[in-house]
Amino acid sequence: MSWRPVLRRGIVLRHDRVRGADLLLLPERVVVLHGGGGQVVRLCDGTRAVEDIVTELGERHPNAPVAGEVPAFLAVLRKEGWLT
């Protein structure tokens, strides 16, 4: 997959210190990202392909199942229209 994901215009990733969670701020909606979701989205800057994101996260978390979970997670965000 050569897709280079990036947040759609008008969507912002923020960390909420009160909740201790990463949030996607959408027009008229807030999405709470659980687990490492925020860490994944932070790498979606339009310069990295999905494979690059998986590789980087795999190096950071060698025992995590990133190869299967990260592409699926990004596909869900894309389907929701939050990533382009």
N, C-alpha and C. Protein backbone atom coordinates (compact mmCIF):
# COMPACT_ATOMS: atom_id res chain seq x y z
N MET A 1 0.86 -1.18 0.00
CA MET A 1 0.00 0.00 0.00
C MET A 1 0.90 1.24 0.00
N SER A 2 0.82 2.07 -1.01
CA SER A 2 1.67 3.26 -1.09
C SER A 2 0.94 4.52 -0.59
N TRP A 3 -0.20 4.34 -0.01
CA TRP A 3 -0.97 5.46 0.53
C TRP A 3 -0.15 6.17 1.61
N ARG A 4 -0.13 7.49 1.56
CA ARG A 4 0.56 8.31 2.55
C ARG A 4 -0.50 9.11 3.32
N PRO A 5 -1.01 8.53 4.40
CA PRO A 5 -2.14 9.15 5.10
C PRO A 5 -1.80 10.48 5.76
N VAL A 6 -2.79 11.34 5.76
CA VAL A 6 -2.70 12.64 6.42
C VAL A 6 -4.11 13.01 6.89
N LEU A 7 -4.18 13.71 8.02
CA LEU A 7 -5.48 14.15 8.51
C LEU A 7 -6.15 15.06 7.50
N ARG A 8 -7.43 14.87 7.33
CA ARG A 8 -8.22 15.72 6.43
C ARG A 8 -8.24 17.15 6.97
N ARG A 9 -8.30 18.10 6.09
CA ARG A 9 -8.37 19.51 6.47
C ARG A 9 -9.53 19.73 7.44
N GLY A 10 -9.27 20.48 8.49
CA GLY A 10 -10.29 20.78 9.47
C GLY A 10 -10.31 19.82 10.65
N ILE A 11 -9.48 18.77 10.59
CA ILE A 11 -9.40 17.81 11.69
C ILE A 11 -8.05 18.00 12.38
N VAL A 12 -8.09 18.05 13.71
CA VAL A 12 -6.89 18.34 14.49
C VAL A 12 -6.70 17.25 15.55
N LEU A 13 -5.47 16.84 15.73
CA LEU A 13 -5.12 15.90 16.80
C LEU A 13 -4.62 16.69 17.99
N ARG A 14 -5.19 16.45 19.15
CA ARG A 14 -4.79 17.13 20.38
C ARG A 14 -4.70 16.11 21.51
N HIS A 15 -3.85 16.42 22.48
CA HIS A 15 -3.79 15.60 23.69
C HIS A 15 -4.52 16.34 24.80
N ASP A 16 -5.47 15.65 25.42
CA ASP A 16 -6.23 16.22 26.53
C ASP A 16 -5.60 15.72 27.83
N ARG A 17 -4.92 16.62 28.53
CA ARG A 17 -4.25 16.24 29.77
C ARG A 17 -5.24 15.83 30.85
N VAL A 18 -6.42 16.42 30.86
CA VAL A 18 -7.42 16.07 31.87
C VAL A 18 -7.87 14.62 31.70
N ARG A 19 -8.17 14.23 30.48
CA ARG A 19 -8.61 12.86 30.20
C ARG A 19 -7.44 11.89 30.08
N GLY A 20 -6.26 12.45 29.83
CA GLY A 20 -5.11 11.60 29.59
C GLY A 20 -5.25 10.83 28.30
N ALA A 21 -5.87 11.48 27.30
CA ALA A 21 -6.16 10.79 26.04
C ALA A 21 -5.91 11.72 24.86
N ASP A 22 -5.64 11.12 23.72
CA ASP A 22 -5.52 11.86 22.48
C ASP A 22 -6.90 11.97 21.86
N LEU A 23 -7.16 13.12 21.27
CA LEU A 23 -8.47 13.41 20.69
C LEU A 23 -8.32 13.85 19.25
N LEU A 24 -9.27 13.46 18.42
CA LEU A 24 -9.41 14.04 17.09
C LEU A 24 -10.54 15.06 17.20
N LEU A 25 -10.21 16.30 16.91
CA LEU A 25 -11.21 17.36 16.95
C LEU A 25 -11.73 17.56 15.54
N LEU A 26 -13.00 17.22 15.35
CA LEU A 26 -13.66 17.34 14.07
C LEU A 26 -14.69 18.45 14.17
N PRO A 27 -15.14 18.96 13.05
CA PRO A 27 -16.22 19.94 13.14
C PRO A 27 -17.42 19.33 13.87
N GLU A 28 -17.78 19.92 14.98
CA GLU A 28 -18.95 19.54 15.77
C GLU A 28 -18.87 18.14 16.37
N ARG A 29 -17.64 17.61 16.54
CA ARG A 29 -17.50 16.26 17.09
C ARG A 29 -16.09 16.08 17.66
N VAL A 30 -15.98 15.27 18.70
CA VAL A 30 -14.69 14.91 19.28
C VAL A 30 -14.61 13.40 19.33
N VAL A 31 -13.50 12.85 18.85
CA VAL A 31 -13.29 11.40 18.87
C VAL A 31 -12.12 11.13 19.81
N VAL A 32 -12.35 10.28 20.81
CA VAL A 32 -11.30 9.89 21.75
C VAL A 32 -10.56 8.70 21.16
N LEU A 33 -9.24 8.83 21.03
CA LEU A 33 -8.41 7.74 20.53
C LEU A 33 -7.87 6.95 21.71
N HIS A 34 -8.11 5.67 21.72
CA HIS A 34 -7.68 4.81 22.82
C HIS A 34 -6.36 4.14 22.49
N GLY A 35 -5.68 3.69 23.52
CA GLY A 35 -4.42 2.96 23.32
C GLY A 35 -3.41 3.82 22.60
N GLY A 36 -2.78 3.25 21.60
CA GLY A 36 -1.75 3.95 20.84
C GLY A 36 -2.27 4.67 19.62
N GLY A 37 -3.58 4.88 19.55
CA GLY A 37 -4.17 5.52 18.37
C GLY A 37 -3.57 6.88 18.06
N GLY A 38 -3.36 7.69 19.08
CA GLY A 38 -2.78 9.01 18.87
C GLY A 38 -1.36 8.92 18.34
N GLN A 39 -0.61 7.95 18.84
CA GLN A 39 0.76 7.77 18.37
C GLN A 39 0.78 7.41 16.88
N VAL A 40 -0.17 6.60 16.46
CA VAL A 40 -0.27 6.23 15.05
C VAL A 40 -0.64 7.45 14.22
N VAL A 41 -1.64 8.18 14.64
CA VAL A 41 -2.12 9.34 13.87
C VAL A 41 -1.04 10.42 13.77
N ARG A 42 -0.22 10.58 14.81
CA ARG A 42 0.86 11.56 14.76
C ARG A 42 1.84 11.29 13.61
N LEU A 43 1.95 10.05 13.22
CA LEU A 43 2.86 9.69 12.13
C LEU A 43 2.21 9.90 10.75
N CYS A 44 0.95 10.20 10.73
CA CYS A 44 0.22 10.41 9.47
C CYS A 44 0.38 11.86 9.04
N ASP A 45 1.53 12.16 8.47
CA ASP A 45 1.86 13.53 8.09
C ASP A 45 1.89 13.74 6.58
N GLY A 46 1.52 12.70 5.83
CA GLY A 46 1.51 12.82 4.38
C GLY A 46 2.85 12.52 3.73
N THR A 47 3.90 12.33 4.53
CA THR A 47 5.21 12.02 3.97
C THR A 47 5.55 10.54 4.13
N ARG A 48 4.92 9.87 5.09
CA ARG A 48 5.20 8.46 5.34
C ARG A 48 4.10 7.59 4.72
N ALA A 49 4.54 6.54 4.05
CA ALA A 49 3.59 5.53 3.56
C ALA A 49 3.18 4.66 4.74
N VAL A 50 2.11 3.92 4.58
CA VAL A 50 1.62 3.04 5.65
C VAL A 50 2.74 2.08 6.08
N GLU A 51 3.49 1.56 5.11
CA GLU A 51 4.58 0.63 5.44
C GLU A 51 5.62 1.30 6.33
N ASP A 52 5.90 2.58 6.07
CA ASP A 52 6.87 3.32 6.88
C ASP A 52 6.36 3.50 8.31
N ILE A 53 5.08 3.78 8.44
CA ILE A 53 4.46 3.94 9.77
C ILE A 53 4.55 2.63 10.53
N VAL A 54 4.22 1.53 9.87
CA VAL A 54 4.29 0.21 10.50
C VAL A 54 5.72 -0.10 10.93
N THR A 55 6.67 0.18 10.07
CA THR A 55 8.09 -0.08 10.39
C THR A 55 8.52 0.73 11.60
N GLU A 56 8.21 2.02 11.60
CA GLU A 56 8.61 2.88 12.71
C GLU A 56 7.99 2.42 14.03
N LEU A 57 6.71 2.11 14.00
CA LEU A 57 6.05 1.66 15.23
C LEU A 57 6.55 0.28 15.65
N GLY A 58 6.89 -0.56 14.70
CA GLY A 58 7.44 -1.88 15.01
C GLY A 58 8.79 -1.77 15.70
N GLU A 59 9.58 -0.77 15.31
CA GLU A 59 10.87 -0.55 15.96
C GLU A 59 10.67 -0.01 17.38
N ARG A 60 9.69 0.85 17.56
CA ARG A 60 9.41 1.41 18.89
C ARG A 60 8.81 0.38 19.84
N HIS A 61 7.99 -0.51 19.28
CA HIS A 61 7.25 -1.51 20.08
C HIS A 61 7.44 -2.89 19.45
N PRO A 62 8.60 -3.49 19.65
CA PRO A 62 8.91 -4.74 18.94
C PRO A 62 7.98 -5.91 19.23
N ASN A 63 7.32 -5.93 20.34
CA ASN A 63 6.44 -7.06 20.66
C ASN A 63 4.96 -6.80 20.34
N ALA A 64 4.67 -5.63 19.81
CA ALA A 64 3.28 -5.30 19.50
C ALA A 64 2.93 -5.78 18.09
N PRO A 65 1.68 -6.16 17.87
CA PRO A 65 1.25 -6.67 16.56
C PRO A 65 0.91 -5.53 15.58
N VAL A 66 1.86 -4.61 15.38
CA VAL A 66 1.58 -3.42 14.56
C VAL A 66 1.34 -3.75 13.10
N ALA A 67 1.98 -4.79 12.58
CA ALA A 67 1.84 -5.11 11.14
C ALA A 67 0.40 -5.42 10.77
N GLY A 68 -0.36 -6.00 11.67
CA GLY A 68 -1.76 -6.31 11.38
C GLY A 68 -2.72 -5.23 11.82
N GLU A 69 -2.43 -4.62 12.96
CA GLU A 69 -3.38 -3.68 13.54
C GLU A 69 -3.31 -2.27 12.96
N VAL A 70 -2.13 -1.77 12.68
CA VAL A 70 -2.01 -0.38 12.22
C VAL A 70 -2.67 -0.17 10.86
N PRO A 71 -2.40 -1.00 9.85
CA PRO A 71 -3.10 -0.79 8.57
C PRO A 71 -4.62 -0.87 8.70
N ALA A 72 -5.11 -1.77 9.53
CA ALA A 72 -6.56 -1.89 9.73
C ALA A 72 -7.11 -0.64 10.41
N PHE A 73 -6.40 -0.14 11.41
CA PHE A 73 -6.81 1.08 12.11
C PHE A 73 -6.85 2.27 11.15
N LEU A 74 -5.81 2.41 10.33
CA LEU A 74 -5.77 3.52 9.37
C LEU A 74 -6.88 3.38 8.33
N ALA A 75 -7.20 2.17 7.94
CA ALA A 75 -8.29 1.96 6.98
C ALA A 75 -9.62 2.41 7.55
N VAL A 76 -9.83 2.16 8.84
CA VAL A 76 -11.07 2.61 9.50
C VAL A 76 -11.14 4.14 9.51
N LEU A 77 -10.02 4.78 9.87
CA LEU A 77 -10.00 6.25 9.87
C LEU A 77 -10.23 6.81 8.48
N ARG A 78 -9.70 6.15 7.48
CA ARG A 78 -9.91 6.58 6.09
C ARG A 78 -11.37 6.43 5.70
N LYS A 79 -11.97 5.29 6.07
CA LYS A 79 -13.37 5.04 5.74
C LYS A 79 -14.28 6.08 6.41
N GLU A 80 -13.92 6.49 7.63
CA GLU A 80 -14.69 7.53 8.34
C GLU A 80 -14.52 8.90 7.68
N GLY A 81 -13.51 9.03 6.84
CA GLY A 81 -13.27 10.31 6.16
C GLY A 81 -12.34 11.23 6.94
N TRP A 82 -11.65 10.69 7.92
CA TRP A 82 -10.76 11.51 8.76
C TRP A 82 -9.35 11.59 8.22
N LEU A 83 -8.97 10.62 7.37
CA LEU A 83 -7.66 10.63 6.72
C LEU A 83 -7.85 10.66 5.21
N THR A 84 -6.92 11.31 4.57
CA THR A 84 -6.93 11.30 3.10
C THR A 84 -5.68 10.62 2.61
